[in-house]
Amino acid sequence: SSHFGSRLRPHPSTLTLPHVEYCALFGHDSKPAAMGGGGKEAPGKGGPPTPAKGQGKGLSYKEKQALEQQQLEEALSAPEGFSGKQPLDEQEARVLEQGATDEEPGPYAGKHFLPTRGYFVCKRCAQCLYLAQSKFVHCVIWSSFDQGCVDAVGVNLESDGRVEAVCSKCQGHLGHIFEQSDGKRTKQRHCINDSAIQYLMFDPPSDVVEAGELEMPKPATSEADA
């Protein structure tokens, strides 16, 4: 060998280093994925999921967005004929049966999910509550709707002055309704816990129509009104 000695830099895959040292040495934020033929990442070994063959190829940005939306709707939808969930999990029961509130964003909240078709039902009894077009973005933890379906969402005045939204069929707690809205069609905002509802990507029942703004209960202003 030459007088410089053998100083060839080893390939990263031959080293066994703690993750932090590895990243510092080679400038990666994660270890390399397993390599397949031709140097491509093996499916399931890191990187984005491999799309179905030919899916998304040659599509415009808008078409890709529509395809992603369709895939998300399919992933979040319950099967056609969904008739309610029993038993509920712990958080779903806390919300629907005890009036608790989701403290973490659910699968439909905020900008996560704005479906172009379908409807939302009560997770416990499957009553149709909201059509897809009523959903809009207001906050990141709860889903917002500008109106429910006729005779589907009931209201109760709480002791703190807030108006509770309940499923009119099973009386499950859904969330609250406020006389303020970023929606385009009404001045009301139904602030709904994702744990209380289930999305279905199918056509709603033929007799379902939207209710528009609900008549909100008013707090008593005197003993005579109580």
Protein backbone atom coordinates (compact mmCIF):
# COMPACT_ATOMS: atom_id res chain seq x y z
CA SER A 1 0.00 0.00 0.00
CA SER A 2 1.01 3.64 -0.40
CA HIS A 3 2.54 5.69 2.42
CA PHE A 4 -0.85 7.37 2.90
CA GLY A 5 -2.23 4.08 4.21
CA SER A 6 -5.68 2.72 3.49
CA ARG A 7 -8.11 5.56 4.38
CA LEU A 8 -11.13 4.61 2.27
CA ARG A 9 -14.35 5.88 3.86
CA PRO A 10 -16.60 2.93 4.78
CA HIS A 11 -20.10 2.78 3.31
CA PRO A 12 -22.74 3.80 5.90
CA SER A 13 -24.46 0.42 5.66
CA THR A 14 -21.34 -1.32 7.03
CA LEU A 15 -21.27 0.76 10.26
CA THR A 16 -23.05 0.12 13.51
CA LEU A 17 -23.48 3.48 15.25
CA PRO A 18 -25.99 5.01 17.62
CA HIS A 19 -28.67 6.89 15.66
CA VAL A 20 -27.45 10.35 16.76
CA GLU A 21 -23.83 9.64 15.80
CA TYR A 22 -24.97 8.17 12.49
CA CYS A 23 -26.98 11.27 11.62
CA ALA A 24 -24.15 13.61 12.58
CA LEU A 25 -21.64 11.67 10.52
CA PHE A 26 -23.64 11.17 7.36
CA GLY A 27 -26.12 14.06 7.46
CA HIS A 28 -29.27 11.93 7.44
CA ASP A 29 -32.36 12.49 9.54
CA SER A 30 -33.02 8.77 9.48
CA LYS A 31 -31.12 5.64 8.58
CA PRO A 32 -31.18 4.61 4.92
CA ALA A 33 -34.05 2.41 3.87
CA ALA A 34 -33.33 -1.10 2.69
CA MET A 35 -32.25 -0.93 -0.91
CA GLY A 36 -33.73 -2.98 -3.69
CA GLY A 37 -32.55 -3.44 -7.21
CA GLY A 38 -31.34 -0.31 -8.94
CA GLY A 39 -30.91 1.60 -5.67
CA LYS A 40 -34.63 2.23 -5.15
CA GLU A 41 -36.19 2.08 -1.69
CA ALA A 42 -37.87 -1.20 -0.95
CA PRO A 43 -41.62 -0.76 -0.33
CA GLY A 44 -42.49 -0.42 3.32
CA LYS A 45 -38.92 0.38 4.34
CA GLY A 46 -39.15 4.16 4.58
CA GLY A 47 -40.32 7.01 2.38
CA PRO A 48 -43.90 7.54 1.19
CA PRO A 49 -46.13 4.57 0.46
CA THR A 50 -45.76 3.15 -3.01
CA PRO A 51 -48.81 4.14 -5.11
CA ALA A 52 -50.72 1.54 -7.03
CA LYS A 53 -49.24 0.84 -10.44
CA GLY A 54 -50.10 3.67 -12.81
CA GLN A 55 -52.07 5.56 -10.14
CA GLY A 56 -51.42 9.30 -10.27
CA LYS A 57 -49.10 9.00 -13.27
CA GLY A 58 -49.50 11.86 -15.71
CA LEU A 59 -52.16 13.64 -13.62
CA SER A 60 -52.30 17.38 -13.14
CA TYR A 61 -51.93 18.85 -9.65
CA LYS A 62 -55.69 19.35 -9.37
CA GLU A 63 -56.35 15.77 -10.49
CA LYS A 64 -53.86 14.43 -7.96
CA GLN A 65 -55.56 16.46 -5.22
CA ALA A 66 -58.92 15.00 -6.23
CA LEU A 67 -57.47 11.49 -6.21
CA GLU A 68 -55.98 11.99 -2.74
CA GLN A 69 -59.32 13.34 -1.48
CA GLN A 70 -61.14 10.32 -2.88
CA GLN A 71 -58.66 7.96 -1.21
CA LEU A 72 -59.04 9.77 2.12
CA GLU A 73 -62.83 9.56 1.93
CA GLU A 74 -62.58 5.83 1.28
CA ALA A 75 -60.15 5.38 4.18
CA LEU A 76 -62.31 7.27 6.72
CA SER A 77 -65.72 5.97 5.66
CA ALA A 78 -67.60 3.26 7.51
CA PRO A 79 -69.07 0.52 5.29
CA GLU A 80 -72.38 1.17 3.57
CA GLY A 81 -75.23 0.17 5.85
CA PHE A 82 -73.43 1.26 9.03
CA SER A 83 -76.03 1.03 11.82
CA GLY A 84 -74.10 2.39 14.79
CA LYS A 85 -71.13 1.25 16.83
CA GLN A 86 -71.54 -1.02 19.84
CA PRO A 87 -69.73 -1.16 22.10
CA LEU A 88 -68.29 2.34 21.98
CA ASP A 89 -64.67 2.78 22.97
CA GLU A 90 -63.83 4.65 26.17
CA GLN A 91 -63.51 8.12 24.64
CA GLU A 92 -66.60 7.73 22.45
CA ALA A 93 -68.63 6.71 25.50
CA ARG A 94 -67.27 9.63 27.53
CA VAL A 95 -68.36 12.08 24.85
CA LEU A 96 -71.71 10.63 23.79
CA GLU A 97 -72.90 9.37 27.16
CA GLN A 98 -71.21 11.69 29.68
CA GLY A 99 -70.91 14.95 27.74
CA ALA A 100 -67.10 15.00 27.70
CA THR A 101 -65.04 16.86 25.09
CA ASP A 102 -62.34 15.64 22.72
CA GLU A 103 -59.01 17.16 23.70
CA GLU A 104 -57.04 15.94 20.68
CA PRO A 105 -57.82 16.46 16.97
CA GLY A 106 -59.92 13.70 15.50
CA PRO A 107 -59.73 12.28 11.96
CA TYR A 108 -62.18 14.84 10.52
CA ALA A 109 -61.13 18.00 12.39
CA GLY A 110 -59.78 21.24 10.94
CA LYS A 111 -58.29 21.06 7.46
CA HIS A 112 -57.75 17.32 7.76
CA PHE A 113 -60.96 16.41 6.03
CA LEU A 114 -63.36 18.37 3.81
CA PRO A 115 -65.28 15.68 1.93
CA THR A 116 -66.88 16.31 -1.44
CA ARG A 117 -69.56 13.64 -0.98
CA GLY A 118 -71.35 11.69 1.70
CA TYR A 119 -72.60 12.57 5.17
CA PHE A 120 -71.93 12.23 8.89
CA VAL A 121 -73.99 10.15 11.30
CA CYS A 122 -74.21 9.69 15.05
CA LYS A 123 -71.61 7.08 15.93
CA ARG A 124 -73.92 5.40 18.46
CA CYS A 125 -77.24 5.16 16.57
CA ALA A 126 -76.28 6.07 12.96
CA GLN A 127 -78.85 8.85 12.56
CA CYS A 128 -77.88 11.15 9.68
CA LEU A 129 -76.75 14.45 11.24
CA TYR A 130 -74.75 16.50 8.70
CA LEU A 131 -74.25 16.46 4.94
CA ALA A 132 -70.72 16.78 3.60
CA GLN A 133 -71.28 20.28 2.19
CA SER A 134 -72.06 21.67 5.66
CA LYS A 135 -68.53 21.05 6.94
CA PHE A 136 -66.05 23.95 7.02
CA VAL A 137 -62.77 24.86 8.69
CA HIS A 138 -62.88 26.78 11.96
CA CYS A 139 -60.59 25.10 14.52
CA VAL A 140 -58.11 22.24 14.66
CA ILE A 141 -59.57 19.97 17.36
CA TRP A 142 -63.31 19.78 16.55
CA SER A 143 -65.27 19.52 13.33
CA SER A 144 -67.38 22.53 12.31
CA PHE A 145 -70.70 22.44 10.43
CA ASP A 146 -72.90 25.36 9.42
CA GLN A 147 -76.18 23.41 9.72
CA GLY A 148 -77.55 19.97 10.49
CA CYS A 149 -80.30 17.93 8.90
CA VAL A 150 -84.00 18.46 9.65
CA ASP A 151 -85.04 17.06 13.04
CA ALA A 152 -81.62 15.43 13.51
CA VAL A 153 -79.82 17.78 15.90
CA GLY A 154 -81.50 18.73 19.17
CA VAL A 155 -80.48 21.62 21.43
CA ASN A 156 -80.31 22.04 25.21
CA LEU A 157 -79.45 25.19 27.17
CA GLU A 158 -76.68 24.46 29.66
CA SER A 159 -76.21 26.18 33.02
CA ASP A 160 -73.21 28.13 31.71
CA GLY A 161 -75.29 29.58 28.86
CA ARG A 162 -73.86 27.40 26.11
CA VAL A 163 -76.17 25.52 23.76
CA GLU A 164 -75.54 21.79 23.68
CA ALA A 165 -76.02 19.84 20.43
CA VAL A 166 -77.42 16.34 20.84
CA CYS A 167 -78.51 13.57 18.53
CA SER A 168 -82.31 13.77 18.52
CA LYS A 169 -82.64 9.99 18.19
CA CYS A 170 -80.44 8.68 21.02
CA GLN A 171 -79.78 11.96 22.90
CA GLY A 172 -76.03 11.43 22.61
CA HIS A 173 -73.91 14.51 23.30
CA LEU A 174 -72.39 15.84 20.07
CA GLY A 175 -70.88 19.21 21.01
CA HIS A 176 -72.11 22.80 21.12
CA ILE A 177 -73.68 25.35 18.76
CA PHE A 178 -72.53 28.96 18.63
CA GLU A 179 -74.10 32.04 17.06
CA GLN A 180 -70.93 32.80 15.17
CA SER A 181 -69.62 31.19 12.05
CA ASP A 182 -66.98 31.22 9.37
CA GLY A 183 -69.36 29.19 7.25
CA LYS A 184 -70.83 30.67 4.10
CA ARG A 185 -74.47 29.70 4.49
CA THR A 186 -75.56 30.36 8.08
CA LYS A 187 -74.48 32.36 11.10
CA GLN A 188 -74.34 29.28 13.30
CA ARG A 189 -71.42 26.97 13.98
CA HIS A 190 -71.97 23.43 15.17
CA CYS A 191 -68.74 22.57 17.02
CA ILE A 192 -68.81 18.77 17.07
CA ASN A 193 -66.60 16.14 18.70
CA ASP A 194 -65.17 13.70 16.17
CA SER A 195 -65.61 10.89 18.72
CA ALA A 196 -69.39 11.36 18.42
CA ILE A 197 -69.73 11.09 14.64
CA GLN A 198 -68.93 8.73 11.79
CA TYR A 199 -68.38 9.62 8.13
CA LEU A 200 -70.06 7.69 5.29
CA MET A 201 -68.97 8.39 1.72
CA PHE A 202 -72.25 7.22 0.18
CA ASP A 203 -75.39 9.10 -0.89
CA PRO A 204 -77.46 10.17 2.13
CA PRO A 205 -80.98 8.78 2.62
CA SER A 206 -83.33 10.21 0.01
CA ASP A 207 -85.59 11.89 2.57
CA VAL A 208 -82.78 13.84 4.29
CA VAL A 209 -82.69 17.63 3.82
CA GLU A 210 -80.76 20.34 5.61
CA ALA A 211 -82.41 22.34 8.38
CA GLY A 212 -80.81 25.76 7.99
CA GLU A 213 -80.35 27.81 11.15
CA LEU A 214 -81.82 26.32 14.31
CA GLU A 215 -83.91 28.27 16.79
CA MET A 216 -81.61 28.66 19.74
CA PRO A 217 -82.87 28.50 23.35
CA LYS A 218 -82.44 31.72 25.28
CA PRO A 219 -81.42 31.98 28.92
CA ALA A 220 -84.12 33.09 31.37
CA THR A 221 -83.91 36.82 32.07
CA SER A 222 -86.17 36.90 35.15
CA GLU A 223 -87.95 34.60 37.60
CA ALA A 224 -91.07 34.84 35.46
CA ASP A 225 -89.12 33.51 32.48
CA ALA A 226 -87.48 30.64 34.36
